[in-house]
Amino acid sequence: MVAFRPSYLTMPHRFLSNDHLPVRSTPRLLLLAMLVLVDPFIHGCSIEPREEEPVVALVNGHPITQKEFDLRWKELSDATRARYEKEGGKRRFLDELVTRELLLQEARQRGLDQTDTVRDKVRRYKEQLLIDELLKNRLLSDVELSKAELDAYYQQHAHELLDPLKVQVSVMLLPNVYAAKDLENQINRGGSFAKFAQRYSIDEKTKAKGGDLGPYRKGLVPPEVDAVIHTLKPGMISAPIKTEEGYYLVMTTPLEREVIEADMATQERLRQELLADKRRKRFEDVIADIRAKATVRLGDAARPVMEETGPTP
């Protein structure tokens, strides 16, 4: 976008005309139209810029200043800003600010900003905005999660998360120590653990999958095998492990990147859940505190409402 630096008071002929900023019909114009009726009440009367303030466009004599342009651009969400950057960037955004100003001027000329309907809607909007700001101030700034709280919540949902060990576990169960030692030696010489497990393992639950048990979790294998898993480096095979069922060989391998990323996403989801729950409790405390300081009396007109059946708030 070309930057227009001279003052609109001293060099008006340098500013863009409507001919240079064609009005386009875009879905975003629907949002602009919705804002037209509310804007006069939020921002009040137009304030003429100081002479030295840069102006990017004049619309029927009304300036759109550089300061206003930058502020509105900054207020866009990341997703909306990305869409603008794909469709013409700030030049397109300026085009739509001009359209917005034209709609505002048309609405004022028609007296829409003076109607009772619009005034009532703006009043209710401003009330909700005040409530939102109050709650944001008292909730978002005060609510934080400690490491202890987060760790305890992760522990409650351990069945959804990977164990900190973060390895893939494969096992094969053999009937005697001689068979186990022989296969251990062959695997150490380059043999395939999965193929040997499919052929020789007597564990019917895992042999079809080449002994693959998936990511490590507590209780996944007998205690004797579990203890050895914590001593293995990824890619290593254990010595034969004696158990009541027979002799185990176990091997660990690194988890795939996609599995680890999915686990990180689950952790973030759980963190957001806990934070939302803590904010909800904080919200209830704030409301209770405000109510405790207030005097509320219900009028006679509230009787039909109070007599309705339903859950107690």
Protein backbone atom coordinates (compact mmCIF):
# COMPACT_ATOMS: atom_id res chain seq x y z
CA MET A 1 0.00 0.00 0.00
CA VAL A 2 1.27 3.49 -0.83
CA ALA A 3 1.82 5.58 2.30
CA PHE A 4 0.21 9.06 2.15
CA ARG A 5 2.10 11.27 4.61
CA PRO A 6 1.05 14.94 3.95
CA SER A 7 -1.60 16.58 6.11
CA TYR A 8 -5.12 16.51 4.79
CA LEU A 9 -5.44 20.19 5.76
CA THR A 10 -2.49 21.45 3.81
CA MET A 11 -2.46 19.16 0.76
CA PRO A 12 -5.97 17.68 0.21
CA HIS A 13 -5.34 17.05 -3.48
CA ARG A 14 -2.83 14.32 -2.62
CA PHE A 15 -5.35 11.95 -1.02
CA LEU A 16 -7.08 9.00 -2.63
CA SER A 17 -10.48 9.60 -4.16
CA ASN A 18 -13.34 7.13 -4.25
CA ASP A 19 -12.41 6.40 -7.85
CA HIS A 20 -9.10 4.97 -6.62
CA LEU A 21 -10.81 2.83 -3.99
CA PRO A 22 -13.59 0.84 -5.71
CA VAL A 23 -16.15 -0.64 -3.35
CA ARG A 24 -16.16 -4.43 -3.62
CA SER A 25 -18.93 -6.76 -2.49
CA THR A 26 -17.30 -9.17 -0.05
CA PRO A 27 -18.60 -11.27 2.86
CA ARG A 28 -16.70 -8.98 5.22
CA LEU A 29 -18.90 -6.07 4.15
CA LEU A 30 -21.77 -7.77 5.98
CA LEU A 31 -19.78 -7.35 9.19
CA LEU A 32 -18.99 -3.76 8.30
CA ALA A 33 -22.68 -3.08 7.80
CA MET A 34 -23.47 -4.53 11.23
CA LEU A 35 -20.89 -2.24 12.82
CA VAL A 36 -22.22 0.87 11.13
CA LEU A 37 -25.09 1.44 13.54
CA VAL A 38 -23.09 0.68 16.67
CA ASP A 39 -19.98 2.69 15.82
CA PRO A 40 -21.40 6.20 16.39
CA PHE A 41 -22.30 5.37 19.98
CA ILE A 42 -19.02 3.65 20.77
CA HIS A 43 -16.76 6.29 19.32
CA GLY A 44 -19.02 9.32 19.71
CA CYS A 45 -18.76 12.27 17.37
CA SER A 46 -15.94 12.41 14.89
CA ILE A 47 -12.81 14.08 16.23
CA GLU A 48 -10.84 16.05 13.68
CA PRO A 49 -7.18 15.01 13.66
CA ARG A 50 -4.45 17.44 14.56
CA GLU A 51 -2.87 19.13 11.57
CA GLU A 52 0.33 17.11 11.86
CA GLU A 53 -1.44 13.73 12.10
CA PRO A 54 -0.97 11.68 8.89
CA VAL A 55 -4.14 10.82 7.00
CA VAL A 56 -4.44 7.84 4.64
CA ALA A 57 -7.76 8.75 3.00
CA LEU A 58 -10.53 11.36 2.92
CA VAL A 59 -14.08 10.12 2.50
CA ASN A 60 -16.45 12.98 1.69
CA GLY A 61 -14.12 15.18 3.70
CA HIS A 62 -13.90 12.85 6.68
CA PRO A 63 -10.33 11.69 7.39
CA ILE A 64 -9.19 8.12 8.03
CA THR A 65 -5.97 8.73 9.93
CA GLN A 66 -2.87 6.58 9.95
CA LYS A 67 -3.40 6.06 13.68
CA GLU A 68 -6.94 4.76 13.17
CA PHE A 69 -5.85 2.56 10.28
CA ASP A 70 -3.00 1.00 12.31
CA LEU A 71 -5.26 0.44 15.32
CA ARG A 72 -7.97 -1.32 13.32
CA TRP A 73 -5.38 -3.45 11.51
CA LYS A 74 -3.86 -4.46 14.85
CA GLU A 75 -7.29 -5.41 16.24
CA LEU A 76 -7.82 -8.02 13.49
CA SER A 77 -7.52 -11.65 14.49
CA ASP A 78 -4.55 -13.56 13.09
CA ALA A 79 -6.85 -15.57 10.80
CA THR A 80 -8.57 -12.46 9.42
CA ARG A 81 -5.26 -10.66 8.90
CA ALA A 82 -3.93 -13.71 7.04
CA ARG A 83 -6.95 -13.65 4.71
CA TYR A 84 -6.38 -9.98 3.94
CA GLU A 85 -2.72 -10.64 3.18
CA LYS A 86 -3.77 -13.24 0.62
CA GLU A 87 -6.36 -10.92 -0.97
CA GLY A 88 -4.48 -7.65 -1.34
CA GLY A 89 -3.09 -6.95 2.10
CA LYS A 90 -3.42 -3.50 3.68
CA ARG A 91 -4.52 -2.02 0.33
CA ARG A 92 -7.62 -4.24 0.45
CA PHE A 93 -8.16 -3.41 4.11
CA LEU A 94 -8.03 0.34 3.38
CA ASP A 95 -10.56 -0.20 0.60
CA GLU A 96 -12.96 -1.75 3.10
CA LEU A 97 -12.35 0.96 5.71
CA VAL A 98 -13.44 3.46 3.06
CA THR A 99 -16.55 1.38 2.38
CA ARG A 100 -17.23 1.22 6.11
CA GLU A 101 -16.98 5.02 6.41
CA LEU A 102 -19.35 5.47 3.47
CA LEU A 103 -21.86 3.18 5.17
CA LEU A 104 -21.52 5.09 8.43
CA GLN A 105 -22.12 8.39 6.69
CA GLU A 106 -25.16 7.03 4.88
CA ALA A 107 -26.58 5.62 8.13
CA ARG A 108 -26.16 8.96 9.92
CA GLN A 109 -27.73 10.86 7.03
CA ARG A 110 -30.77 8.61 7.34
CA GLY A 111 -30.93 9.28 11.07
CA LEU A 112 -30.50 5.63 12.00
CA ASP A 113 -28.23 6.53 14.90
CA GLN A 114 -31.12 8.42 16.51
CA THR A 115 -33.74 5.66 16.48
CA ASP A 116 -34.90 4.10 19.76
CA THR A 117 -34.24 0.58 18.43
CA VAL A 118 -30.61 1.30 17.65
CA ARG A 119 -30.06 3.22 20.90
CA ASP A 120 -31.47 0.30 22.89
CA LYS A 121 -29.28 -2.24 21.07
CA VAL A 122 -26.18 -0.09 21.60
CA ARG A 123 -26.99 0.33 25.29
CA ARG A 124 -27.25 -3.43 25.75
CA TYR A 125 -24.07 -3.98 23.76
CA LYS A 126 -22.17 -1.50 25.93
CA GLU A 127 -23.51 -3.15 29.09
CA GLN A 128 -22.31 -6.55 27.93
CA LEU A 129 -18.95 -5.05 26.97
CA LEU A 130 -18.56 -3.62 30.47
CA ILE A 131 -19.40 -6.99 32.04
CA ASP A 132 -16.92 -8.75 29.75
CA GLU A 133 -14.17 -6.30 30.68
CA LEU A 134 -14.90 -6.69 34.39
CA LEU A 135 -14.78 -10.47 34.23
CA LYS A 136 -11.67 -10.45 32.07
CA ASN A 137 -9.98 -8.18 34.57
CA ARG A 138 -10.97 -10.25 37.59
CA LEU A 139 -10.69 -13.72 36.06
CA LEU A 140 -8.03 -13.97 33.39
CA SER A 141 -5.36 -11.98 35.20
CA ASP A 142 -5.78 -13.87 38.46
CA VAL A 143 -6.11 -17.47 37.30
CA GLU A 144 -2.89 -19.41 36.86
CA LEU A 145 -1.96 -23.07 37.08
CA SER A 146 0.86 -24.23 39.29
CA LYS A 147 3.09 -27.10 38.23
CA ALA A 148 1.78 -29.17 41.15
CA GLU A 149 -1.84 -28.65 40.05
CA LEU A 150 -1.03 -29.53 36.46
CA ASP A 151 0.98 -32.62 37.40
CA ALA A 152 -1.83 -33.84 39.66
CA TYR A 153 -4.37 -33.35 36.84
CA TYR A 154 -2.15 -35.20 34.39
CA GLN A 155 -1.89 -38.02 36.92
CA GLN A 156 -5.70 -38.23 37.11
CA HIS A 157 -5.77 -38.61 33.32
CA ALA A 158 -2.71 -40.84 33.02
CA HIS A 159 -4.72 -43.30 30.91
CA GLU A 160 -4.91 -40.62 28.19
CA LEU A 161 -1.21 -39.75 28.23
CA LEU A 162 2.06 -41.42 27.40
CA ASP A 163 4.32 -42.46 30.24
CA PRO A 164 7.33 -40.17 30.69
CA LEU A 165 9.49 -43.09 29.50
CA LYS A 166 8.09 -42.59 25.98
CA VAL A 167 9.29 -45.75 24.23
CA GLN A 168 7.68 -48.44 22.11
CA VAL A 169 7.76 -51.89 23.74
CA SER A 170 8.07 -55.26 22.01
CA VAL A 171 8.21 -58.63 23.80
CA MET A 172 8.41 -62.32 23.04
CA LEU A 173 7.74 -65.14 25.49
CA LEU A 174 9.76 -68.34 25.17
CA PRO A 175 9.35 -71.70 26.93
CA ASN A 176 12.92 -72.05 28.26
CA VAL A 177 16.11 -70.10 28.85
CA TYR A 178 18.00 -71.91 26.07
CA ALA A 179 15.59 -70.79 23.36
CA ALA A 180 15.61 -67.28 24.82
CA LYS A 181 19.41 -67.03 24.82
CA ASP A 182 19.66 -68.39 21.27
CA LEU A 183 17.20 -65.82 19.92
CA GLU A 184 18.86 -63.03 21.91
CA ASN A 185 22.15 -63.85 20.18
CA GLN A 186 20.56 -64.00 16.73
CA ILE A 187 18.84 -60.65 17.19
CA ASN A 188 22.07 -59.06 18.40
CA ARG A 189 23.68 -60.33 15.19
CA GLY A 190 21.05 -58.53 13.10
CA GLY A 191 18.03 -60.81 13.22
CA SER A 192 14.51 -59.35 13.18
CA PHE A 193 12.86 -59.25 16.61
CA ALA A 194 9.39 -59.00 15.04
CA LYS A 195 9.89 -62.02 12.73
CA PHE A 196 11.31 -64.19 15.53
CA ALA A 197 8.41 -63.18 17.80
CA GLN A 198 5.85 -64.12 15.15
CA ARG A 199 7.51 -67.51 14.68
CA TYR A 200 8.65 -68.56 18.15
CA SER A 201 6.77 -66.56 20.83
CA ILE A 202 4.25 -68.52 22.90
CA ASP A 203 2.39 -65.34 23.89
CA GLU A 204 -0.69 -65.60 21.69
CA LYS A 205 -1.74 -62.00 22.47
CA THR A 206 1.33 -60.41 20.92
CA LYS A 207 2.97 -62.85 18.48
CA ALA A 208 0.74 -61.95 15.54
CA LYS A 209 1.95 -58.34 15.85
CA GLY A 210 5.60 -59.30 16.12
CA GLY A 211 5.50 -58.79 19.88
CA ASP A 212 4.52 -55.11 19.56
CA LEU A 213 2.79 -53.82 22.72
CA GLY A 214 2.64 -50.17 21.68
CA PRO A 215 3.84 -47.22 23.81
CA TYR A 216 5.01 -48.13 27.30
CA ARG A 217 2.50 -47.87 30.12
CA LYS A 218 2.59 -49.04 33.71
CA GLY A 219 1.13 -52.51 34.14
CA LEU A 220 1.71 -53.36 30.49
CA VAL A 221 4.00 -56.32 31.28
CA PRO A 222 4.82 -58.50 34.33
CA PRO A 223 6.74 -56.67 37.11
CA GLU A 224 9.96 -58.52 36.34
CA VAL A 225 9.85 -57.35 32.72
CA ASP A 226 8.77 -53.84 33.68
CA ALA A 227 11.84 -53.40 35.89
CA VAL A 228 14.15 -54.35 33.02
CA ILE A 229 12.45 -51.98 30.53
CA HIS A 230 13.56 -49.01 32.63
CA THR A 231 17.19 -50.07 32.25
CA LEU A 232 17.17 -50.48 28.46
CA LYS A 233 18.26 -47.91 25.94
CA PRO A 234 16.04 -47.65 22.83
CA GLY A 235 17.03 -50.27 20.30
CA MET A 236 18.55 -52.65 22.88
CA ILE A 237 17.30 -56.17 23.57
CA SER A 238 17.27 -57.56 27.08
CA ALA A 239 18.80 -60.77 28.36
CA PRO A 240 16.24 -63.54 29.09
CA ILE A 241 13.89 -62.52 31.94
CA LYS A 242 12.49 -65.34 34.07
CA THR A 243 8.77 -65.15 34.95
CA GLU A 244 6.05 -67.61 35.93
CA GLU A 245 4.91 -67.78 32.29
CA GLY A 246 8.37 -68.49 30.85
CA TYR A 247 11.33 -66.41 29.68
CA TYR A 248 10.81 -62.99 28.14
CA LEU A 249 12.92 -61.07 25.71
CA VAL A 250 12.03 -57.39 25.55
CA MET A 251 13.14 -54.59 23.26
CA THR A 252 12.35 -50.86 23.28
CA THR A 253 12.42 -48.46 20.33
CA PRO A 254 11.85 -44.69 20.04
CA LEU A 255 8.27 -43.55 19.51
CA GLU A 256 7.26 -42.11 16.17
CA ARG A 257 7.15 -38.34 16.01
CA GLU A 258 3.42 -38.31 15.24
CA VAL A 259 2.70 -40.26 18.45
CA ILE A 260 4.69 -37.81 20.56
CA GLU A 261 3.00 -34.80 18.90
CA ALA A 262 -0.41 -36.33 19.57
CA ASP A 263 0.54 -36.77 23.21
CA MET A 264 1.62 -33.13 23.44
CA ALA A 265 -1.73 -32.09 21.97
CA THR A 266 -3.52 -34.17 24.59
CA GLN A 267 -1.48 -32.52 27.34
CA GLU A 268 -2.44 -29.08 26.05
CA ARG A 269 -6.12 -30.06 25.87
CA LEU A 270 -6.01 -31.26 29.48
CA ARG A 271 -4.25 -28.06 30.54
CA GLN A 272 -6.96 -25.97 28.91
CA GLU A 273 -9.65 -28.08 30.59
CA LEU A 274 -8.11 -27.54 34.01
CA LEU A 275 -7.65 -23.83 33.37
CA ALA A 276 -11.29 -23.49 32.26
CA ASP A 277 -12.46 -25.33 35.36
CA LYS A 278 -10.37 -23.10 37.60
CA ARG A 279 -11.73 -20.00 35.84
CA ARG A 280 -15.28 -21.26 36.29
CA LYS A 281 -14.71 -21.70 40.02
CA ARG A 282 -13.10 -18.28 40.16
CA PHE A 283 -16.12 -16.84 38.32
CA GLU A 284 -18.46 -18.39 40.89
CA ASP A 285 -16.37 -16.89 43.69
CA VAL A 286 -16.48 -13.44 42.05
CA ILE A 287 -20.25 -13.58 41.63
CA ALA A 288 -20.70 -14.81 45.21
CA ASP A 289 -18.52 -11.95 46.48
CA ILE A 290 -20.48 -9.33 44.52
CA ARG A 291 -23.83 -10.79 45.59
CA ALA A 292 -22.75 -10.85 49.24
CA LYS A 293 -22.25 -7.07 49.14
CA ALA A 294 -25.51 -6.38 47.32
CA THR A 295 -29.16 -5.94 48.34
CA VAL A 296 -31.55 -7.65 45.94
CA ARG A 297 -35.33 -7.55 46.34
CA LEU A 298 -37.68 -9.24 43.90
CA GLY A 299 -40.80 -7.38 42.89
CA ASP A 300 -44.34 -8.77 42.61
CA ALA A 301 -43.87 -9.19 38.86
CA ALA A 302 -41.22 -11.82 39.56
CA ARG A 303 -43.71 -14.16 41.24
CA PRO A 304 -44.76 -16.03 38.05
CA VAL A 305 -41.11 -16.50 37.18
CA MET A 306 -40.22 -17.84 40.63
CA GLU A 307 -43.16 -20.26 40.56
CA GLU A 308 -41.95 -21.95 37.36
CA THR A 309 -40.54 -25.40 37.92
CA GLY A 310 -36.96 -26.03 36.95
CA PRO A 311 -33.50 -26.53 38.39
CA THR A 312 -32.52 -24.10 41.10
CA PRO A 313 -29.85 -21.68 39.82
